[in-house]
Amino acid sequence: MNEVVASIVRPRWRDYLEMCKPRVVLLMLFCTLAGMLLAAPGAISIGLVIVCLAGVALVAGSAAVVNHIADSHIDAKMARTRNRPVADGRVSSFQGLVFSAIIGTSGLYLLYQYVNPLTAWLNLASWVGYGLIYTLYLKRATPQNIVIGGLFGAAPPLFGWTAVTNSIEMGGLLLVMIIFTWTPPHFWALALDRKEDYLKADVPMLPVTHGEVVTRWHILFYTVALIGVSIMPWFIEMSGLIYLIGALGLGSIFLYWAIRLIVNDSSETPMKTFRYSLWYLMLLFVFLLTDHYYLI
């Protein structure tokens, strides 16, 4: 028994933390918090915020660990990921699975016991969707993997919404739709830059299966769709003029980068588009929150 415990704790804590994809989880927590604040007509209990964010972080980290384990043979072939803990051999699959189980069940327990069962069940569904359906099947099965699988990664604002309201409402679903539409142009911009890595790893990302030209036009199409979806909160009177102006301004810049991908062959444009997409999402939610509290 002592040998089993020792084998689990042997890797450095930084290796376990890296497997949880902390940057991705932080973005998820920001969207979760935004969902909580937008759902609340007034102040929210700080205790509820802490427990909800902790639970979501643990479940999301657990799914990320499963992704590391399942993709370790792919990660080993790609320059961007070959130094990940499992791919590099610093953490074994067994150690990773035990760690994933511990933090995942802990997160679900926190959500079920101290937030509400609905939020816990939604997190479990997202875990299954990303950790199993996307990672084990969709990623290797279709170039539309990120489109279909993006639904699972778009759920964080709904987690925050249900944590406050204990119900699934139009506002929360609309926030999910925004992230769902944002995901393809965000990820395909990165895929353009990492095309050779995906080709070596035999992962059917859109630039590999259909070429860069088709991918660039897909990014433009989804960017236009994103601008349309992003102004829906204003149409349903969930937000006001502050958000509308912000959404249109941010969307215009995103559209600029999407057009540059088509008319500019610079090797730096895909990564610049990818980086802007991160700022776009964060600032869009900042405008939503600013507008929300201004109206209050």
C-alpha atoms as a PDB file:
ATOM      1  CA  MET A   1       0.000   0.000   0.000  1.00  0.00           C
ATOM      2  CA  ASN A   2       2.794   2.411   0.888  1.00  0.00           C
ATOM      3  CA  GLU A   3       4.471   1.700  -2.452  1.00  0.00           C
ATOM      4  CA  VAL A   4       1.270   2.615  -4.326  1.00  0.00           C
ATOM      5  CA  VAL A   5       0.925   5.896  -2.424  1.00  0.00           C
ATOM      6  CA  ALA A   6       4.587   6.684  -2.996  1.00  0.00           C
ATOM      7  CA  SER A   7       4.235   6.051  -6.731  1.00  0.00           C
ATOM      8  CA  ILE A   8       1.361   8.527  -6.900  1.00  0.00           C
ATOM      9  CA  VAL A   9       3.059  11.373  -5.044  1.00  0.00           C
ATOM     10  CA  ARG A  10       6.512  10.863  -6.584  1.00  0.00           C
ATOM     11  CA  PRO A  11       6.111  13.314  -9.496  1.00  0.00           C
ATOM     12  CA  ARG A  12       6.595  16.983  -8.713  1.00  0.00           C
ATOM     13  CA  TRP A  13       3.478  18.986  -7.961  1.00  0.00           C
ATOM     14  CA  ARG A  14       4.331  21.148 -10.980  1.00  0.00           C
ATOM     15  CA  ASP A  15       3.891  18.118 -13.254  1.00  0.00           C
ATOM     16  CA  TYR A  16       0.422  17.457 -11.887  1.00  0.00           C
ATOM     17  CA  LEU A  17      -0.444  21.143 -12.183  1.00  0.00           C
ATOM     18  CA  GLU A  18       0.732  21.231 -15.801  1.00  0.00           C
ATOM     19  CA  MET A  19      -1.477  18.255 -16.629  1.00  0.00           C
ATOM     20  CA  CYS A  20      -4.510  20.263 -15.463  1.00  0.00           C
ATOM     21  CA  LYS A  21      -3.856  22.873 -18.200  1.00  0.00           C
ATOM     22  CA  PRO A  22      -3.997  25.826 -15.768  1.00  0.00           C
ATOM     23  CA  ARG A  23      -4.234  28.524 -18.461  1.00  0.00           C
ATOM     24  CA  VAL A  24      -7.262  26.875 -20.017  1.00  0.00           C
ATOM     25  CA  VAL A  25      -8.829  26.322 -16.589  1.00  0.00           C
ATOM     26  CA  LEU A  26      -8.277  29.973 -15.642  1.00  0.00           C
ATOM     27  CA  LEU A  27     -10.138  31.078 -18.781  1.00  0.00           C
ATOM     28  CA  MET A  28     -12.931  28.644 -17.902  1.00  0.00           C
ATOM     29  CA  LEU A  29     -13.117  30.036 -14.361  1.00  0.00           C
ATOM     30  CA  PHE A  30     -13.319  33.584 -15.693  1.00  0.00           C
ATOM     31  CA  CYS A  31     -16.270  32.567 -17.898  1.00  0.00           C
ATOM     32  CA  THR A  32     -17.869  30.688 -14.988  1.00  0.00           C
ATOM     33  CA  LEU A  33     -17.573  33.719 -12.734  1.00  0.00           C
ATOM     34  CA  ALA A  34     -18.995  35.918 -15.472  1.00  0.00           C
ATOM     35  CA  GLY A  35     -21.967  33.564 -15.755  1.00  0.00           C
ATOM     36  CA  MET A  36     -22.550  33.812 -12.002  1.00  0.00           C
ATOM     37  CA  LEU A  37     -22.386  37.594 -11.974  1.00  0.00           C
ATOM     38  CA  LEU A  38     -24.621  37.981 -15.023  1.00  0.00           C
ATOM     39  CA  ALA A  39     -27.232  35.627 -13.553  1.00  0.00           C
ATOM     40  CA  ALA A  40     -27.388  37.435 -10.225  1.00  0.00           C
ATOM     41  CA  PRO A  41     -29.641  40.485  -9.857  1.00  0.00           C
ATOM     42  CA  GLY A  42     -27.496  41.668  -6.952  1.00  0.00           C
ATOM     43  CA  ALA A  43     -24.696  40.511  -4.689  1.00  0.00           C
ATOM     44  CA  ILE A  44     -23.555  36.870  -4.589  1.00  0.00           C
ATOM     45  CA  SER A  45     -22.325  34.986  -1.548  1.00  0.00           C
ATOM     46  CA  ILE A  46     -18.521  34.903  -1.634  1.00  0.00           C
ATOM     47  CA  GLY A  47     -18.707  31.391  -0.236  1.00  0.00           C
ATOM     48  CA  LEU A  48     -20.803  30.249  -3.207  1.00  0.00           C
ATOM     49  CA  VAL A  49     -18.339  31.836  -5.630  1.00  0.00           C
ATOM     50  CA  ILE A  50     -15.335  30.138  -4.012  1.00  0.00           C
ATOM     51  CA  VAL A  51     -16.926  26.696  -3.819  1.00  0.00           C
ATOM     52  CA  CYS A  52     -18.310  26.879  -7.364  1.00  0.00           C
ATOM     53  CA  LEU A  53     -15.005  27.987  -8.896  1.00  0.00           C
ATOM     54  CA  ALA A  54     -13.085  25.372  -6.904  1.00  0.00           C
ATOM     55  CA  GLY A  55     -15.437  22.610  -8.019  1.00  0.00           C
ATOM     56  CA  VAL A  56     -15.368  23.656 -11.676  1.00  0.00           C
ATOM     57  CA  ALA A  57     -11.558  23.941 -11.587  1.00  0.00           C
ATOM     58  CA  LEU A  58     -11.152  20.445 -10.139  1.00  0.00           C
ATOM     59  CA  VAL A  59     -13.511  18.814 -12.641  1.00  0.00           C
ATOM     60  CA  ALA A  60     -11.975  20.690 -15.583  1.00  0.00           C
ATOM     61  CA  GLY A  61      -8.489  19.793 -14.402  1.00  0.00           C
ATOM     62  CA  SER A  62      -9.515  16.147 -14.135  1.00  0.00           C
ATOM     63  CA  ALA A  63     -10.730  16.120 -17.751  1.00  0.00           C
ATOM     64  CA  ALA A  64      -7.505  17.808 -18.860  1.00  0.00           C
ATOM     65  CA  VAL A  65      -5.450  15.070 -17.169  1.00  0.00           C
ATOM     66  CA  VAL A  66      -7.417  12.408 -19.080  1.00  0.00           C
ATOM     67  CA  ASN A  67      -6.652  14.355 -22.256  1.00  0.00           C
ATOM     68  CA  HIS A  68      -2.920  14.300 -21.408  1.00  0.00           C
ATOM     69  CA  ILE A  69      -2.991  10.542 -20.866  1.00  0.00           C
ATOM     70  CA  ALA A  70      -5.016   9.690 -23.976  1.00  0.00           C
ATOM     71  CA  ASP A  71      -2.952  11.981 -26.203  1.00  0.00           C
ATOM     72  CA  SER A  72       0.478  11.127 -24.795  1.00  0.00           C
ATOM     73  CA  HIS A  73       1.554   9.231 -27.950  1.00  0.00           C
ATOM     74  CA  ILE A  74       0.359  12.154 -30.095  1.00  0.00           C
ATOM     75  CA  ASP A  75       1.963  14.752 -27.824  1.00  0.00           C
ATOM     76  CA  ALA A  76       5.308  12.959 -28.105  1.00  0.00           C
ATOM     77  CA  LYS A  77       5.323  13.628 -31.877  1.00  0.00           C
ATOM     78  CA  MET A  78       4.524  17.341 -31.667  1.00  0.00           C
ATOM     79  CA  ALA A  79       7.071  20.052 -30.871  1.00  0.00           C
ATOM     80  CA  ARG A  80       4.492  22.065 -28.900  1.00  0.00           C
ATOM     81  CA  THR A  81       3.565  19.173 -26.590  1.00  0.00           C
ATOM     82  CA  ARG A  82       6.442  16.691 -26.487  1.00  0.00           C
ATOM     83  CA  ASN A  83       7.569  17.928 -23.058  1.00  0.00           C
ATOM     84  CA  ARG A  84       4.208  17.349 -21.367  1.00  0.00           C
ATOM     85  CA  PRO A  85       4.523  15.204 -18.214  1.00  0.00           C
ATOM     86  CA  VAL A  86       2.972  11.992 -19.567  1.00  0.00           C
ATOM     87  CA  ALA A  87       4.476  12.276 -23.050  1.00  0.00           C
ATOM     88  CA  ASP A  88       7.891  12.902 -21.479  1.00  0.00           C
ATOM     89  CA  GLY A  89       7.517  10.027 -19.009  1.00  0.00           C
ATOM     90  CA  ARG A  90       7.625  12.128 -15.860  1.00  0.00           C
ATOM     91  CA  VAL A  91       4.119  10.956 -14.910  1.00  0.00           C
ATOM     92  CA  SER A  92       2.789   7.477 -15.690  1.00  0.00           C
ATOM     93  CA  SER A  93      -0.705   6.810 -17.024  1.00  0.00           C
ATOM     94  CA  PHE A  94      -1.594   5.117 -13.728  1.00  0.00           C
ATOM     95  CA  GLN A  95      -0.474   8.103 -11.691  1.00  0.00           C
ATOM     96  CA  GLY A  96      -2.407  10.421 -13.943  1.00  0.00           C
ATOM     97  CA  LEU A  97      -5.603   8.368 -13.773  1.00  0.00           C
ATOM     98  CA  VAL A  98      -5.501   8.234  -9.971  1.00  0.00           C
ATOM     99  CA  PHE A  99      -4.890  11.981  -9.793  1.00  0.00           C
ATOM    100  CA  SER A 100      -7.711  12.627 -12.266  1.00  0.00           C
ATOM    101  CA  ALA A 101     -10.120  10.472 -10.264  1.00  0.00           C
ATOM    102  CA  ILE A 102      -9.246  12.182  -6.983  1.00  0.00           C
ATOM    103  CA  ILE A 103      -9.640  15.757  -8.151  1.00  0.00           C
ATOM    104  CA  GLY A 104     -12.610  14.986 -10.403  1.00  0.00           C
ATOM    105  CA  THR A 105     -14.687  13.299  -7.707  1.00  0.00           C
ATOM    106  CA  SER A 106     -13.688  16.011  -5.222  1.00  0.00           C
ATOM    107  CA  GLY A 107     -14.897  18.711  -7.595  1.00  0.00           C
ATOM    108  CA  LEU A 108     -18.205  16.960  -8.275  1.00  0.00           C
ATOM    109  CA  TYR A 109     -18.746  16.457  -4.546  1.00  0.00           C
ATOM    110  CA  LEU A 110     -18.196  20.156  -3.841  1.00  0.00           C
ATOM    111  CA  LEU A 111     -20.616  21.167  -6.583  1.00  0.00           C
ATOM    112  CA  TYR A 112     -23.290  18.632  -5.665  1.00  0.00           C
ATOM    113  CA  GLN A 113     -23.118  19.190  -1.915  1.00  0.00           C
ATOM    114  CA  TYR A 114     -22.486  22.933  -1.644  1.00  0.00           C
ATOM    115  CA  VAL A 115     -23.718  24.468  -4.926  1.00  0.00           C
ATOM    116  CA  ASN A 116     -26.563  22.392  -6.422  1.00  0.00           C
ATOM    117  CA  PRO A 117     -27.006  19.009  -8.144  1.00  0.00           C
ATOM    118  CA  LEU A 118     -27.809  20.579 -11.532  1.00  0.00           C
ATOM    119  CA  THR A 119     -24.418  22.300 -11.699  1.00  0.00           C
ATOM    120  CA  ALA A 120     -22.694  19.087 -10.655  1.00  0.00           C
ATOM    121  CA  TRP A 121     -24.478  17.038 -13.334  1.00  0.00           C
ATOM    122  CA  LEU A 122     -23.655  19.609 -16.019  1.00  0.00           C
ATOM    123  CA  ASN A 123     -19.993  19.464 -15.017  1.00  0.00           C
ATOM    124  CA  LEU A 124     -20.053  15.682 -15.189  1.00  0.00           C
ATOM    125  CA  ALA A 125     -21.605  15.841 -18.660  1.00  0.00           C
ATOM    126  CA  SER A 126     -18.909  18.282 -19.770  1.00  0.00           C
ATOM    127  CA  TRP A 127     -16.212  15.998 -18.303  1.00  0.00           C
ATOM    128  CA  VAL A 128     -17.544  13.027 -20.263  1.00  0.00           C
ATOM    129  CA  GLY A 129     -17.879  15.141 -23.397  1.00  0.00           C
ATOM    130  CA  TYR A 130     -14.354  16.543 -23.355  1.00  0.00           C
ATOM    131  CA  GLY A 131     -12.444  13.844 -21.505  1.00  0.00           C
ATOM    132  CA  LEU A 132     -13.971  10.873 -23.315  1.00  0.00           C
ATOM    133  CA  ILE A 133     -16.070  11.741 -26.395  1.00  0.00           C
ATOM    134  CA  TYR A 134     -13.827  14.491 -27.787  1.00  0.00           C
ATOM    135  CA  THR A 135     -10.459  13.157 -26.626  1.00  0.00           C
ATOM    136  CA  LEU A 136     -10.967   9.471 -27.386  1.00  0.00           C
ATOM    137  CA  TYR A 137     -13.149   9.717 -30.491  1.00  0.00           C
ATOM    138  CA  LEU A 138     -13.924  13.060 -32.138  1.00  0.00           C
ATOM    139  CA  LYS A 139     -10.356  14.355 -32.190  1.00  0.00           C
ATOM    140  CA  ARG A 140      -9.249  11.433 -34.332  1.00  0.00           C
ATOM    141  CA  ALA A 141     -12.462  10.846 -36.277  1.00  0.00           C
ATOM    142  CA  THR A 142     -13.365  14.070 -38.087  1.00  0.00           C
ATOM    143  CA  PRO A 143     -11.909  17.446 -39.122  1.00  0.00           C
ATOM    144  CA  GLN A 144     -15.017  18.957 -37.530  1.00  0.00           C
ATOM    145  CA  ASN A 145     -13.767  17.677 -34.161  1.00  0.00           C
ATOM    146  CA  ILE A 146     -13.337  21.115 -32.655  1.00  0.00           C
ATOM    147  CA  VAL A 147     -16.775  22.243 -33.852  1.00  0.00           C
ATOM    148  CA  ILE A 148     -18.657  19.322 -32.315  1.00  0.00           C
ATOM    149  CA  GLY A 149     -16.409  19.025 -29.278  1.00  0.00           C
ATOM    150  CA  GLY A 150     -16.489  22.772 -28.749  1.00  0.00           C
ATOM    151  CA  LEU A 151     -19.905  22.434 -27.140  1.00  0.00           C
ATOM    152  CA  PHE A 152     -18.343  20.714 -24.134  1.00  0.00           C
ATOM    153  CA  GLY A 153     -15.785  23.456 -23.671  1.00  0.00           C
ATOM    154  CA  ALA A 154     -18.389  26.198 -24.075  1.00  0.00           C
ATOM    155  CA  ALA A 155     -20.321  25.274 -20.928  1.00  0.00           C
ATOM    156  CA  PRO A 156     -18.492  27.211 -18.143  1.00  0.00           C
ATOM    157  CA  PRO A 157     -20.736  30.315 -18.190  1.00  0.00           C
ATOM    158  CA  LEU A 158     -23.745  27.998 -17.909  1.00  0.00           C
ATOM    159  CA  PHE A 159     -22.136  26.393 -14.837  1.00  0.00           C
ATOM    160  CA  GLY A 160     -21.952  29.819 -13.256  1.00  0.00           C
ATOM    161  CA  TRP A 161     -25.490  30.657 -14.293  1.00  0.00           C
ATOM    162  CA  THR A 162     -26.990  27.463 -12.842  1.00  0.00           C
ATOM    163  CA  ALA A 163     -24.916  27.837  -9.679  1.00  0.00           C
ATOM    164  CA  VAL A 164     -26.857  31.027  -8.953  1.00  0.00           C
ATOM    165  CA  THR A 165     -30.287  30.231 -10.417  1.00  0.00           C
ATOM    166  CA  ASN A 166     -30.413  26.418 -10.141  1.00  0.00           C
ATOM    167  CA  SER A 167     -32.060  26.419 -13.580  1.00  0.00           C
ATOM    168  CA  ILE A 168     -31.135  26.459 -17.266  1.00  0.00           C
ATOM    169  CA  GLU A 169     -32.260  29.757 -18.773  1.00  0.00           C
ATOM    170  CA  MET A 170     -31.948  31.572 -22.083  1.00  0.00           C
ATOM    171  CA  GLY A 171     -29.242  33.932 -20.815  1.00  0.00           C
ATOM    172  CA  GLY A 172     -26.952  31.081 -19.787  1.00  0.00           C
ATOM    173  CA  LEU A 173     -27.545  29.196 -23.031  1.00  0.00           C
ATOM    174  CA  LEU A 174     -26.757  32.300 -25.064  1.00  0.00           C
ATOM    175  CA  LEU A 175     -23.406  32.648 -23.309  1.00  0.00           C
ATOM    176  CA  VAL A 176     -22.679  29.026 -24.222  1.00  0.00           C
ATOM    177  CA  MET A 177     -23.573  29.740 -27.842  1.00  0.00           C
ATOM    178  CA  ILE A 178     -21.133  32.661 -27.952  1.00  0.00           C
ATOM    179  CA  ILE A 179     -18.208  30.491 -26.808  1.00  0.00           C
ATOM    180  CA  PHE A 180     -19.358  27.617 -29.032  1.00  0.00           C
ATOM    181  CA  THR A 181     -19.224  29.893 -32.099  1.00  0.00           C
ATOM    182  CA  TRP A 182     -15.930  31.439 -30.971  1.00  0.00           C
ATOM    183  CA  THR A 183     -14.129  28.106 -30.578  1.00  0.00           C
ATOM    184  CA  PRO A 184     -13.635  27.125 -34.273  1.00  0.00           C
ATOM    185  CA  PRO A 185     -11.965  30.374 -35.460  1.00  0.00           C
ATOM    186  CA  HIS A 186      -9.949  30.472 -32.234  1.00  0.00           C
ATOM    187  CA  PHE A 187      -8.629  26.930 -32.527  1.00  0.00           C
ATOM    188  CA  TRP A 188      -8.298  26.740 -36.315  1.00  0.00           C
ATOM    189  CA  ALA A 189      -6.034  29.799 -36.239  1.00  0.00           C
ATOM    190  CA  LEU A 190      -3.726  27.825 -33.931  1.00  0.00           C
ATOM    191  CA  ALA A 191      -4.109  24.728 -36.125  1.00  0.00           C
ATOM    192  CA  LEU A 192      -2.891  26.722 -39.142  1.00  0.00           C
ATOM    193  CA  ASP A 193       0.273  27.561 -37.260  1.00  0.00           C
ATOM    194  CA  ARG A 194       0.710  23.966 -36.008  1.00  0.00           C
ATOM    195  CA  LYS A 195      -0.337  22.204 -39.221  1.00  0.00           C
ATOM    196  CA  GLU A 196       2.899  20.237 -39.563  1.00  0.00           C
ATOM    197  CA  ASP A 197       2.640  18.950 -36.004  1.00  0.00           C
ATOM    198  CA  TYR A 198      -0.893  17.685 -36.575  1.00  0.00           C
ATOM    199  CA  LEU A 199       0.215  16.099 -39.853  1.00  0.00           C
ATOM    200  CA  LYS A 200       3.035  14.214 -38.123  1.00  0.00           C
ATOM    201  CA  ALA A 201       0.682  13.066 -35.360  1.00  0.00           C
ATOM    202  CA  ASP A 202      -1.966  11.978 -37.911  1.00  0.00           C
ATOM    203  CA  VAL A 203      -4.655  14.137 -36.296  1.00  0.00           C
ATOM    204  CA  PRO A 204      -7.324  15.138 -38.878  1.00  0.00           C
ATOM    205  CA  MET A 205      -7.445  18.828 -38.150  1.00  0.00           C
ATOM    206  CA  LEU A 206      -9.068  20.929 -40.873  1.00  0.00           C
ATOM    207  CA  PRO A 207      -5.800  22.405 -42.287  1.00  0.00           C
ATOM    208  CA  VAL A 208      -4.466  18.852 -42.689  1.00  0.00           C
ATOM    209  CA  THR A 209      -7.526  17.295 -44.303  1.00  0.00           C
ATOM    210  CA  HIS A 210      -8.856  20.208 -46.384  1.00  0.00           C
ATOM    211  CA  GLY A 211      -5.893  22.553 -46.701  1.00  0.00           C
ATOM    212  CA  GLU A 212      -5.102  26.038 -45.466  1.00  0.00           C
ATOM    213  CA  VAL A 213      -7.281  27.926 -47.938  1.00  0.00           C
ATOM    214  CA  VAL A 214     -10.439  26.097 -46.870  1.00  0.00           C
ATOM    215  CA  THR A 215      -9.525  26.574 -43.214  1.00  0.00           C
ATOM    216  CA  ARG A 216      -9.018  30.313 -43.630  1.00  0.00           C
ATOM    217  CA  TRP A 217     -12.437  30.666 -45.280  1.00  0.00           C
ATOM    218  CA  HIS A 218     -14.002  28.607 -42.487  1.00  0.00           C
ATOM    219  CA  ILE A 219     -12.447  30.988 -39.954  1.00  0.00           C
ATOM    220  CA  LEU A 220     -13.973  33.947 -41.799  1.00  0.00           C
ATOM    221  CA  PHE A 221     -17.393  32.276 -41.909  1.00  0.00           C
ATOM    222  CA  TYR A 222     -17.406  31.493 -38.193  1.00  0.00           C
ATOM    223  CA  THR A 223     -16.121  34.962 -37.335  1.00  0.00           C
ATOM    224  CA  VAL A 224     -19.077  36.537 -39.155  1.00  0.00           C
ATOM    225  CA  ALA A 225     -21.400  34.107 -37.361  1.00  0.00           C
ATOM    226  CA  LEU A 226     -19.744  34.988 -34.059  1.00  0.00           C
ATOM    227  CA  ILE A 227     -20.411  38.685 -34.558  1.00  0.00           C
ATOM    228  CA  GLY A 228     -24.076  37.883 -35.154  1.00  0.00           C
ATOM    229  CA  VAL A 229     -24.350  35.643 -32.101  1.00  0.00           C
ATOM    230  CA  SER A 230     -22.412  38.075 -29.910  1.00  0.00           C
ATOM    231  CA  ILE A 231     -25.016  40.840 -30.311  1.00  0.00           C
ATOM    232  CA  MET A 232     -27.916  38.557 -29.382  1.00  0.00           C
ATOM    233  CA  PRO A 233     -27.753  39.584 -25.674  1.00  0.00           C
ATOM    234  CA  TRP A 234     -28.691  43.089 -26.817  1.00  0.00           C
ATOM    235  CA  PHE A 235     -31.593  41.797 -28.939  1.00  0.00           C
ATOM    236  CA  ILE A 236     -33.127  39.868 -26.029  1.00  0.00           C
ATOM    237  CA  GLU A 237     -32.523  42.879 -23.719  1.00  0.00           C
ATOM    238  CA  MET A 238     -30.064  40.946 -21.588  1.00  0.00           C
ATOM    239  CA  SER A 239     -27.605  43.809 -22.121  1.00  0.00           C
ATOM    240  CA  GLY A 240     -27.632  47.404 -23.267  1.00  0.00           C
ATOM    241  CA  LEU A 241     -25.818  49.863 -25.486  1.00  0.00           C
ATOM    242  CA  ILE A 242     -22.460  49.592 -23.693  1.00  0.00           C
ATOM    243  CA  TYR A 243     -22.219  45.909 -24.510  1.00  0.00           C
ATOM    244  CA  LEU A 244     -23.516  46.330 -28.067  1.00  0.00           C
ATOM    245  CA  ILE A 245     -20.837  48.904 -28.893  1.00  0.00           C
ATOM    246  CA  GLY A 246     -18.144  46.763 -27.276  1.00  0.00           C
ATOM    247  CA  ALA A 247     -19.262  43.581 -29.060  1.00  0.00           C
ATOM    248  CA  LEU A 248     -19.354  45.278 -32.458  1.00  0.00           C
ATOM    249  CA  GLY A 249     -15.960  46.879 -31.905  1.00  0.00           C
ATOM    250  CA  LEU A 250     -14.289  43.645 -30.784  1.00  0.00           C
ATOM    251  CA  GLY A 251     -16.019  41.740 -33.576  1.00  0.00           C
ATOM    252  CA  SER A 252     -14.767  44.205 -36.172  1.00  0.00           C
ATOM    253  CA  ILE A 253     -11.182  43.621 -35.060  1.00  0.00           C
ATOM    254  CA  PHE A 254     -11.706  39.850 -35.153  1.00  0.00           C
ATOM    255  CA  LEU A 255     -13.125  40.213 -38.673  1.00  0.00           C
ATOM    256  CA  TYR A 256     -10.051  42.218 -39.659  1.00  0.00           C
ATOM    257  CA  TRP A 257      -7.778  39.366 -38.601  1.00  0.00           C
ATOM    258  CA  ALA A 258      -9.982  36.774 -40.318  1.00  0.00           C
ATOM    259  CA  ILE A 259      -9.767  38.737 -43.575  1.00  0.00           C
ATOM    260  CA  ARG A 260      -6.003  39.123 -43.172  1.00  0.00           C
ATOM    261  CA  LEU A 261      -5.710  35.346 -42.960  1.00  0.00           C
ATOM    262  CA  ILE A 262      -7.155  35.171 -46.475  1.00  0.00           C
ATOM    263  CA  VAL A 263      -5.358  38.095 -48.136  1.00  0.00           C
ATOM    264  CA  ASN A 264      -2.049  37.896 -46.239  1.00  0.00           C
ATOM    265  CA  ASP A 265       0.255  34.874 -46.477  1.00  0.00           C
ATOM    266  CA  SER A 266       2.461  35.940 -43.567  1.00  0.00           C
ATOM    267  CA  SER A 267       3.384  33.016 -41.336  1.00  0.00           C
ATOM    268  CA  GLU A 268       2.805  35.224 -38.289  1.00  0.00           C
ATOM    269  CA  THR A 269      -0.858  36.021 -39.033  1.00  0.00           C
ATOM    270  CA  PRO A 270      -2.378  32.767 -37.692  1.00  0.00           C
ATOM    271  CA  MET A 271      -0.778  33.140 -34.258  1.00  0.00           C
ATOM    272  CA  LYS A 272      -1.651  36.827 -34.112  1.00  0.00           C
ATOM    273  CA  THR A 273      -5.253  35.881 -34.882  1.00  0.00           C
ATOM    274  CA  PHE A 274      -5.156  33.169 -32.226  1.00  0.00           C
ATOM    275  CA  ARG A 275      -3.805  35.540 -29.573  1.00  0.00           C
ATOM    276  CA  TYR A 276      -6.386  38.182 -30.414  1.00  0.00           C
ATOM    277  CA  SER A 277      -9.161  35.596 -30.118  1.00  0.00           C
ATOM    278  CA  LEU A 278      -8.194  35.082 -26.459  1.00  0.00           C
ATOM    279  CA  TRP A 279      -8.363  38.798 -25.764  1.00  0.00           C
ATOM    280  CA  TYR A 280     -11.621  38.993 -27.691  1.00  0.00           C
ATOM    281  CA  LEU A 281     -13.402  36.496 -25.462  1.00  0.00           C
ATOM    282  CA  MET A 282     -12.150  37.999 -22.216  1.00  0.00           C
ATOM    283  CA  LEU A 283     -12.980  41.569 -23.239  1.00  0.00           C
ATOM    284  CA  LEU A 284     -16.401  40.542 -24.566  1.00  0.00           C
ATOM    285  CA  PHE A 285     -17.313  39.227 -21.121  1.00  0.00           C
ATOM    286  CA  VAL A 286     -15.838  42.332 -19.518  1.00  0.00           C
ATOM    287  CA  PHE A 287     -18.211  44.440 -21.625  1.00  0.00           C
ATOM    288  CA  LEU A 288     -21.093  42.156 -20.644  1.00  0.00           C
ATOM    289  CA  LEU A 289     -20.289  42.603 -16.959  1.00  0.00           C
ATOM    290  CA  THR A 290     -19.720  46.357 -17.264  1.00  0.00           C
ATOM    291  CA  ASP A 291     -23.056  46.747 -18.991  1.00  0.00           C
ATOM    292  CA  HIS A 292     -24.773  44.469 -16.448  1.00  0.00           C
ATOM    293  CA  TYR A 293     -23.639  46.446 -13.431  1.00  0.00           C
ATOM    294  CA  TYR A 294     -24.233  49.765 -15.147  1.00  0.00           C
ATOM    295  CA  LEU A 295     -27.861  48.752 -15.723  1.00  0.00           C
ATOM    296  CA  ILE A 296     -28.190  47.637 -12.111  1.00  0.00           C
END
